[in-house]
N, C-alpha and C. Protein backbone atom coordinates (compact mmCIF):
# COMPACT_ATOMS: atom_id res chain seq x y z
N UNK A 1 0.86 -1.40 0.00
CA UNK A 1 0.02 0.00 -0.19
C UNK A 1 0.86 1.13 0.03
N UNK A 2 2.15 1.29 1.08
CA UNK A 2 2.74 2.45 0.79
C UNK A 2 3.64 2.76 -0.32
N UNK A 3 4.03 1.59 -0.93
CA UNK A 3 4.72 1.85 -2.26
C UNK A 3 3.73 2.43 -3.33
N UNK A 4 2.64 1.82 -3.40
CA UNK A 4 1.65 2.47 -4.38
C UNK A 4 1.22 4.05 -4.18
N UNK A 5 1.25 4.51 -2.94
CA UNK A 5 1.14 5.88 -2.80
C UNK A 5 2.58 6.45 -2.96
N UNK A 6 3.48 6.00 -2.65
CA UNK A 6 4.90 6.65 -2.94
C UNK A 6 5.04 6.97 -4.52
N UNK A 7 4.59 5.70 -5.33
CA UNK A 7 4.64 5.81 -6.88
C UNK A 7 3.84 6.68 -7.34
N UNK A 8 2.54 6.73 -6.54
CA UNK A 8 1.55 7.63 -7.19
C UNK A 8 2.08 9.19 -7.02
N UNK A 9 2.76 9.58 -5.90
CA UNK A 9 3.23 10.85 -5.41
C UNK A 9 4.42 11.03 -6.67
N UNK A 10 5.16 10.27 -6.80
CA UNK A 10 6.28 10.30 -7.70
C UNK A 10 5.64 10.54 -9.20
N UNK A 11 4.87 9.92 -9.52
CA UNK A 11 4.17 10.16 -11.03
C UNK A 11 3.57 11.32 -11.10
N UNK A 12 2.81 11.65 -10.01
CA UNK A 12 2.12 13.07 -10.10
C UNK A 12 3.35 14.38 -10.13
N UNK A 13 4.26 14.17 -9.45
CA UNK A 13 5.54 15.07 -9.54
C UNK A 13 6.23 15.24 -10.83
N UNK A 14 6.31 13.95 -11.50
CA UNK A 14 6.91 13.92 -12.69
C UNK A 14 6.18 14.56 -13.74
N UNK A 15 4.74 14.56 -13.57
CA UNK A 15 3.94 15.19 -14.53
C UNK A 15 3.67 16.47 -14.43
N UNK A 16 4.37 17.29 -13.51
CA UNK A 16 4.09 18.73 -13.45
C UNK A 16 4.84 19.36 -14.51
N UNK A 17 4.49 20.37 -15.28
CA UNK A 17 5.06 21.17 -16.02
C UNK A 17 6.26 22.04 -15.46
N UNK A 18 6.30 22.25 -14.36
CA UNK A 18 7.50 23.05 -13.66
C UNK A 18 8.70 22.09 -12.92
N UNK A 19 9.86 22.36 -12.92
CA UNK A 19 10.83 21.62 -12.49
C UNK A 19 10.67 21.77 -10.59
N UNK A 20 11.04 20.66 -10.28
CA UNK A 20 11.08 20.64 -8.57
C UNK A 20 11.84 19.73 -8.13
N UNK A 21 12.54 20.14 -7.19
CA UNK A 21 13.63 19.39 -6.35
C UNK A 21 13.41 19.79 -4.67
N UNK A 22 13.27 18.55 -3.85
CA UNK A 22 13.39 18.91 -2.53
C UNK A 22 14.78 18.41 -2.07
N UNK A 23 15.46 18.85 -1.13
CA UNK A 23 16.56 18.48 -0.64
C UNK A 23 16.86 18.68 0.89
N UNK A 24 17.67 17.91 1.46
CA UNK A 24 18.04 18.02 2.91
C UNK A 24 19.07 19.23 2.80
N UNK A 25 19.18 19.86 3.85
CA UNK A 25 20.21 20.97 3.98
C UNK A 25 21.39 20.85 3.52
N UNK A 26 21.98 19.30 3.59
CA UNK A 26 23.26 19.05 3.38
C UNK A 26 23.31 19.05 1.70
N UNK A 27 22.29 19.22 1.00
CA UNK A 27 22.35 19.17 -0.59
C UNK A 27 21.94 17.91 -0.90
N UNK A 28 21.68 16.68 -0.28
CA UNK A 28 21.20 15.50 -0.43
C UNK A 28 19.61 15.54 -1.09
N UNK A 29 19.59 15.01 -2.64
CA UNK A 29 18.40 14.96 -2.95
C UNK A 29 17.25 14.13 -2.44
N UNK A 30 16.06 14.74 -2.03
CA UNK A 30 15.15 13.82 -1.27
C UNK A 30 14.03 13.48 -2.36
N UNK A 31 13.73 14.39 -3.42
CA UNK A 31 13.07 14.23 -4.19
C UNK A 31 13.18 15.13 -5.48
N UNK A 32 13.03 14.53 -6.84
CA UNK A 32 13.47 15.47 -8.16
C UNK A 32 12.55 14.74 -9.24
N UNK A 33 11.69 15.67 -9.92
CA UNK A 33 10.66 15.40 -10.81
C UNK A 33 11.72 15.25 -12.11
N UNK A 34 11.21 14.83 -13.25
CA UNK A 34 11.84 14.70 -14.50
C UNK A 34 12.19 15.88 -15.15
N UNK A 35 11.18 16.96 -14.98
CA UNK A 35 11.58 18.22 -15.50
C UNK A 35 12.83 18.86 -14.93
N UNK A 36 12.92 18.80 -13.61
CA UNK A 36 14.15 19.43 -13.02
C UNK A 36 15.30 18.59 -13.35
N UNK A 37 15.20 17.30 -13.67
CA UNK A 37 16.37 16.30 -13.92
C UNK A 37 16.75 16.79 -15.61
N UNK A 38 15.94 17.16 -16.25
CA UNK A 38 16.24 17.35 -17.65
C UNK A 38 16.57 19.01 -17.75
N UNK A 39 16.28 19.66 -16.71
CA UNK A 39 16.83 21.15 -16.98
C UNK A 39 18.28 21.03 -16.24
N UNK A 40 18.49 20.33 -15.18
CA UNK A 40 19.85 20.03 -14.69
C UNK A 40 20.91 19.66 -16.01
N UNK A 41 20.62 18.80 -16.59
CA UNK A 41 21.34 18.43 -17.83
C UNK A 41 21.49 19.43 -18.85
N UNK A 42 20.57 20.31 -19.21
CA UNK A 42 20.56 21.55 -20.02
C UNK A 42 21.44 22.41 -19.48
N UNK A 43 21.47 22.98 -18.07
CA UNK A 43 22.18 24.06 -17.43
C UNK A 43 23.52 23.67 -17.02
N UNK A 44 23.63 22.44 -16.43
CA UNK A 44 25.11 22.22 -15.95
C UNK A 44 25.76 20.95 -16.54
N UNK A 45 24.86 20.31 -17.58
CA UNK A 45 25.31 19.29 -18.21
C UNK A 45 25.62 17.89 -17.43
N UNK A 46 25.03 17.77 -16.29
CA UNK A 46 25.02 16.51 -15.51
C UNK A 46 23.75 16.47 -14.57
N UNK A 47 23.77 15.16 -13.91
CA UNK A 47 22.55 14.81 -13.36
C UNK A 47 22.50 15.88 -12.09
N UNK A 48 21.31 16.08 -11.66
CA UNK A 48 21.19 16.84 -10.32
C UNK A 48 21.34 15.86 -8.97
N UNK A 49 22.58 15.65 -8.42
CA UNK A 49 22.87 14.76 -7.48
C UNK A 49 23.01 15.68 -5.93
N UNK A 50 23.22 16.83 -6.06
CA UNK A 50 23.40 17.72 -4.99
C UNK A 50 22.68 18.98 -5.13
N UNK A 51 21.80 19.42 -4.48
CA UNK A 51 21.04 20.44 -4.59
C UNK A 51 21.82 21.65 -4.37
N UNK A 52 22.62 21.75 -3.48
CA UNK A 52 23.62 22.81 -2.89
C UNK A 52 24.57 23.19 -4.29
N UNK A 53 25.04 22.24 -4.82
CA UNK A 53 25.85 22.24 -5.68
C UNK A 53 25.36 22.85 -7.22
N UNK A 54 24.25 22.37 -7.26
CA UNK A 54 23.10 22.66 -8.43
C UNK A 54 22.76 24.20 -8.33
N UNK A 55 22.48 24.60 -7.07
CA UNK A 55 22.10 25.83 -6.78
C UNK A 55 23.41 26.90 -6.99
N UNK A 56 24.41 26.49 -6.42
CA UNK A 56 25.61 27.34 -6.59
C UNK A 56 26.10 27.68 -7.74
N UNK A 57 25.85 26.61 -8.90
CA UNK A 57 26.32 26.78 -10.35
C UNK A 57 25.28 28.00 -10.96
N UNK A 58 23.98 27.62 -10.56
CA UNK A 58 23.21 28.82 -11.12
C UNK A 58 23.54 30.03 -10.56
N UNK A 59 23.83 30.25 -9.38
CA UNK A 59 23.92 31.49 -8.70
C UNK A 59 25.36 32.17 -9.26
N UNK A 60 26.52 31.26 -9.67
CA UNK A 60 27.68 31.94 -10.05
C UNK A 60 27.55 31.93 -11.71
N UNK A 61 26.52 31.58 -12.20
CA UNK A 61 26.35 31.68 -13.48
C UNK A 61 27.13 30.60 -14.47
N UNK A 62 27.66 29.54 -13.60
CA UNK A 62 28.49 28.71 -14.38
C UNK A 62 27.60 27.82 -15.04
N UNK A 63 26.99 28.20 -16.15
CA UNK A 63 26.11 27.10 -16.74
C UNK A 63 26.71 26.97 -18.22
N UNK A 64 26.01 25.88 -18.88
CA UNK A 64 26.52 25.60 -20.17
C UNK A 64 26.49 26.60 -21.27
N UNK A 65 27.41 26.49 -22.39
CA UNK A 65 27.38 27.61 -23.36
C UNK A 65 25.90 28.10 -23.92
N UNK A 66 25.70 29.32 -24.10
CA UNK A 66 24.74 29.91 -24.68
C UNK A 66 23.65 29.97 -23.63
N UNK A 67 23.91 29.70 -22.36
CA UNK A 67 22.85 30.07 -21.23
C UNK A 67 23.06 31.09 -20.33
N UNK A 68 22.33 32.12 -20.15
CA UNK A 68 22.55 33.15 -19.53
C UNK A 68 21.95 33.16 -18.14
N UNK A 69 22.47 33.57 -17.10
CA UNK A 69 21.69 33.74 -15.84
C UNK A 69 21.66 35.40 -15.37
N UNK A 70 20.45 35.82 -15.12
CA UNK A 70 20.24 36.99 -14.88
C UNK A 70 19.66 37.36 -13.46
N UNK A 71 20.07 38.18 -12.80
CA UNK A 71 19.44 38.59 -11.57
C UNK A 71 19.17 39.93 -11.72
N UNK A 72 17.75 40.35 -11.98
CA UNK A 72 17.43 41.62 -12.39
C UNK A 72 16.20 42.00 -11.11
N UNK A 73 16.57 42.98 -10.57
CA UNK A 73 15.56 43.47 -9.15
C UNK A 73 13.94 43.60 -9.94
N UNK A 74 13.89 43.89 -11.06
CA UNK A 74 12.50 44.25 -11.66
C UNK A 74 11.77 42.90 -11.84
N UNK A 75 12.79 41.89 -12.33
CA UNK A 75 12.20 40.27 -12.38
C UNK A 75 12.23 39.37 -11.27
N UNK A 76 13.27 39.47 -10.59
CA UNK A 76 13.67 38.60 -9.61
C UNK A 76 13.54 38.94 -8.02
N UNK A 77 13.16 37.91 -7.13
CA UNK A 77 13.34 38.34 -5.64
C UNK A 77 14.70 37.72 -5.31
N UNK A 78 14.78 37.87 -3.96
CA UNK A 78 15.92 37.18 -3.31
C UNK A 78 15.92 35.49 -3.43
N UNK A 79 17.07 35.06 -3.75
CA UNK A 79 16.93 33.51 -3.90
C UNK A 79 16.28 33.27 -5.44
N UNK A 80 16.38 34.07 -6.32
CA UNK A 80 15.64 33.62 -7.63
C UNK A 80 16.64 34.43 -8.69
N UNK A 81 16.52 33.38 -9.74
CA UNK A 81 17.33 33.87 -10.96
C UNK A 81 16.48 33.69 -12.19
N UNK A 82 16.58 34.58 -13.26
CA UNK A 82 16.23 34.23 -14.70
C UNK A 82 17.23 33.85 -15.40
N UNK A 83 16.91 32.62 -16.14
CA UNK A 83 17.97 31.87 -16.81
C UNK A 83 17.28 31.78 -18.37
N UNK A 84 18.15 32.13 -19.17
CA UNK A 84 17.65 32.56 -20.63
C UNK A 84 18.40 31.34 -21.45
N UNK A 85 17.81 30.57 -22.34
CA UNK A 85 18.51 29.48 -23.27
C UNK A 85 18.63 30.20 -24.25
N UNK A 86 19.65 29.45 -25.25
CA UNK A 86 19.87 30.03 -26.28
C UNK A 86 18.67 29.85 -27.53
N UNK A 87 17.72 29.10 -27.34
CA UNK A 87 16.56 29.11 -27.99
C UNK A 87 15.52 29.75 -27.65
N UNK A 88 15.74 31.10 -26.64
CA UNK A 88 14.90 31.99 -26.34
C UNK A 88 13.87 31.65 -25.01
N UNK A 89 13.87 30.43 -24.66
CA UNK A 89 13.22 29.96 -23.59
C UNK A 89 13.83 30.55 -22.28
N UNK A 90 12.88 31.10 -21.50
CA UNK A 90 13.27 31.48 -20.20
C UNK A 90 12.36 31.07 -18.99
N UNK A 91 13.67 30.60 -18.07
CA UNK A 91 12.79 30.04 -16.98
C UNK A 91 13.20 30.68 -15.55
N UNK A 92 12.58 30.96 -14.68
CA UNK A 92 12.76 31.27 -13.41
C UNK A 92 13.11 30.31 -12.55
N UNK A 93 14.16 30.25 -11.62
CA UNK A 93 14.56 29.45 -10.58
C UNK A 93 14.32 29.99 -9.30
N UNK A 94 13.87 29.50 -8.27
CA UNK A 94 13.61 29.99 -7.04
C UNK A 94 14.18 28.73 -5.94
N UNK A 95 14.85 29.32 -4.81
CA UNK A 95 15.22 28.43 -3.81
C UNK A 95 14.46 29.01 -2.56
N UNK A 96 13.92 28.16 -1.80
CA UNK A 96 13.25 28.35 -0.45
C UNK A 96 13.39 27.32 0.61
N UNK A 97 13.31 27.82 1.55
CA UNK A 97 13.46 26.85 2.76
C UNK A 97 12.28 26.49 3.40
N UNK A 98 11.93 25.35 3.67
CA UNK A 98 10.57 24.85 4.31
C UNK A 98 10.86 24.06 5.35
N UNK A 99 9.98 24.03 6.61
CA UNK A 99 10.14 23.57 7.47
C UNK A 99 9.24 22.38 7.68
N UNK A 100 9.79 21.12 7.84
CA UNK A 100 9.03 19.73 7.88
C UNK A 100 9.35 18.98 9.05
N UNK A 101 8.32 18.94 9.82
CA UNK A 101 8.78 18.12 11.12
C UNK A 101 9.81 18.58 12.09
N UNK A 102 10.35 19.88 11.95
CA UNK A 102 11.31 20.24 12.53
C UNK A 102 12.55 20.25 11.88
N UNK A 103 12.59 19.83 10.76
CA UNK A 103 13.71 19.84 9.74
C UNK A 103 13.42 20.72 8.74
N UNK A 104 14.73 21.48 8.42
CA UNK A 104 14.56 22.32 7.31
C UNK A 104 14.92 21.56 5.96
N UNK A 105 13.97 21.71 4.93
CA UNK A 105 14.01 21.13 3.69
C UNK A 105 14.32 22.31 2.57
N UNK A 106 15.13 21.94 1.65
CA UNK A 106 15.40 22.99 0.58
C UNK A 106 14.67 22.62 -0.75
N UNK A 107 13.95 23.65 -1.23
CA UNK A 107 13.01 23.51 -2.11
C UNK A 107 13.62 24.43 -3.43
N UNK A 108 13.70 23.64 -4.44
CA UNK A 108 14.16 24.39 -5.57
C UNK A 108 13.13 24.33 -6.64
N UNK A 109 12.46 25.27 -7.28
CA UNK A 109 11.47 25.17 -8.47
C UNK A 109 11.97 25.88 -9.52
N UNK A 110 11.33 25.67 -10.69
CA UNK A 110 11.79 26.17 -11.93
C UNK A 110 10.19 26.37 -12.59
N UNK A 111 9.94 27.46 -13.15
CA UNK A 111 8.77 27.84 -14.10
C UNK A 111 9.17 28.37 -15.31
N UNK A 112 8.49 28.23 -16.17
CA UNK A 112 8.56 28.68 -17.43
C UNK A 112 7.99 30.12 -17.63
N UNK A 113 8.95 31.01 -17.65
CA UNK A 113 8.49 32.47 -17.66
C UNK A 113 8.94 33.27 -19.00
N UNK A 114 9.00 32.51 -20.18
CA UNK A 114 9.36 32.92 -21.44
C UNK A 114 8.47 33.94 -21.95
N UNK A 115 7.08 34.08 -21.97
CA UNK A 115 6.22 34.73 -22.21
C UNK A 115 6.20 36.15 -21.27
N UNK A 116 6.36 35.87 -19.95
CA UNK A 116 6.55 37.00 -19.34
C UNK A 116 7.59 37.92 -19.55
N UNK A 117 8.80 37.32 -19.78
CA UNK A 117 10.06 37.89 -20.23
C UNK A 117 9.92 38.57 -21.50
N UNK A 118 9.28 38.01 -22.62
CA UNK A 118 8.94 38.74 -23.86
C UNK A 118 8.13 39.71 -23.56
N UNK A 119 7.15 39.64 -22.80
CA UNK A 119 6.36 41.15 -22.52
C UNK A 119 7.19 42.42 -21.81
N UNK A 120 8.13 41.74 -20.89
CA UNK A 120 8.90 42.65 -20.42
C UNK A 120 9.91 43.44 -21.36
N UNK A 121 10.30 42.65 -22.22
CA UNK A 121 11.38 43.30 -23.38
C UNK A 121 10.62 44.12 -24.12
N UNK A 122 9.26 43.72 -24.39
CA UNK A 122 8.47 44.69 -25.28
C UNK A 122 8.17 45.80 -24.79
N UNK A 123 7.78 45.85 -23.50
CA UNK A 123 7.52 46.99 -22.66
C UNK A 123 8.78 47.81 -22.69
N UNK A 124 10.02 47.33 -22.35
CA UNK A 124 11.24 48.08 -22.29
C UNK A 124 11.49 48.92 -23.65
N UNK A 125 11.19 48.00 -24.89
CA UNK A 125 11.52 48.82 -26.13
C UNK A 125 10.42 50.00 -26.30
N UNK A 126 9.25 49.66 -25.83
CA UNK A 126 8.18 50.78 -25.95
C UNK A 126 8.80 51.91 -24.94
N UNK A 127 8.97 51.99 -23.80
CA UNK A 127 9.58 52.70 -22.94
C UNK A 127 10.75 53.56 -23.73
N UNK A 128 11.68 52.75 -24.06
CA UNK A 128 12.88 53.66 -24.75
C UNK A 128 12.31 54.20 -26.06
N UNK A 129 11.30 53.84 -26.94
CA UNK A 129 10.85 54.78 -27.79
C UNK A 129 10.25 56.03 -27.21
N UNK A 130 9.33 55.58 -26.42
CA UNK A 130 8.73 56.81 -25.56
C UNK A 130 9.73 58.05 -25.10
N UNK A 131 10.82 57.46 -24.77
CA UNK A 131 11.55 58.24 -23.82
C UNK A 131 12.36 59.04 -24.95
N UNK A 132 12.59 58.38 -26.24
CA UNK A 132 13.23 59.21 -27.28
C UNK A 132 12.25 60.21 -27.86
N UNK A 133 11.00 60.12 -27.99
CA UNK A 133 10.05 60.93 -28.41
C UNK A 133 9.89 62.06 -27.51
N UNK A 134 9.95 61.69 -26.21
CA UNK A 134 9.80 62.67 -25.27
C UNK A 134 11.00 63.69 -25.48
N UNK A 135 12.16 63.07 -25.51
CA UNK A 135 13.35 63.97 -25.81
C UNK A 135 13.31 64.86 -27.02
N UNK A 136 12.82 64.25 -27.96
CA UNK A 136 12.76 65.09 -29.29
C UNK A 136 11.58 66.20 -29.05
N UNK A 137 10.44 65.96 -28.34
CA UNK A 137 9.39 67.11 -28.20
C UNK A 137 9.89 68.04 -27.19
N UNK A 138 10.70 67.83 -26.09
CA UNK A 138 11.48 68.65 -25.39
C UNK A 138 12.39 69.61 -26.18
N UNK A 139 13.02 69.01 -27.07
CA UNK A 139 13.89 69.69 -27.88
C UNK A 139 13.17 70.53 -28.98
N UNK A 140 12.16 70.40 -29.58
CA UNK A 140 11.49 70.99 -30.30
C UNK A 140 10.66 72.40 -29.53
N UNK A 141 10.31 71.93 -28.30
CA UNK A 141 9.42 73.10 -27.47
C UNK A 141 10.63 74.09 -27.03
N UNK A 142 11.85 73.67 -26.82
CA UNK A 142 13.00 74.72 -26.31
C UNK A 142 13.53 75.56 -27.38
N UNK A 143 13.00 75.10 -28.81
CA UNK A 143 13.31 75.91 -29.90
C UNK A 143 12.37 77.14 -30.18
N UNK A 144 11.01 76.96 -29.54
CA UNK A 144 9.90 77.72 -30.00
C UNK A 144 9.95 78.77 -29.13
């Protein structure tokens, strides 16, 4: 009975569209879904065996070629990084500490934020264009 419940939890976690990893404070992985395992290979070129090592690689920006890690205050909070892949995909990685039965558990999640990042870039382009228009209008006004 317990094995069936455990397998059902694992299967449910594996089918999530987000990356999910739970680990002990030592970094030892307690639960890892397929998406996060796949992301680990894409980011660092190896299996996610230690959550601390994995997070440190992200934080240091020590990632595979063509992958960029950004820490932008308007996009990310503390313990959060935006990762841009060469194919245009963007994912936000977040690290949190949870407490379970008096023990601290590390949770690392990853969500697809490609669309949000695209909207932000479009807004930045529009703001830049509006700034240039404003500058030209002020210049014209000063000549009148």
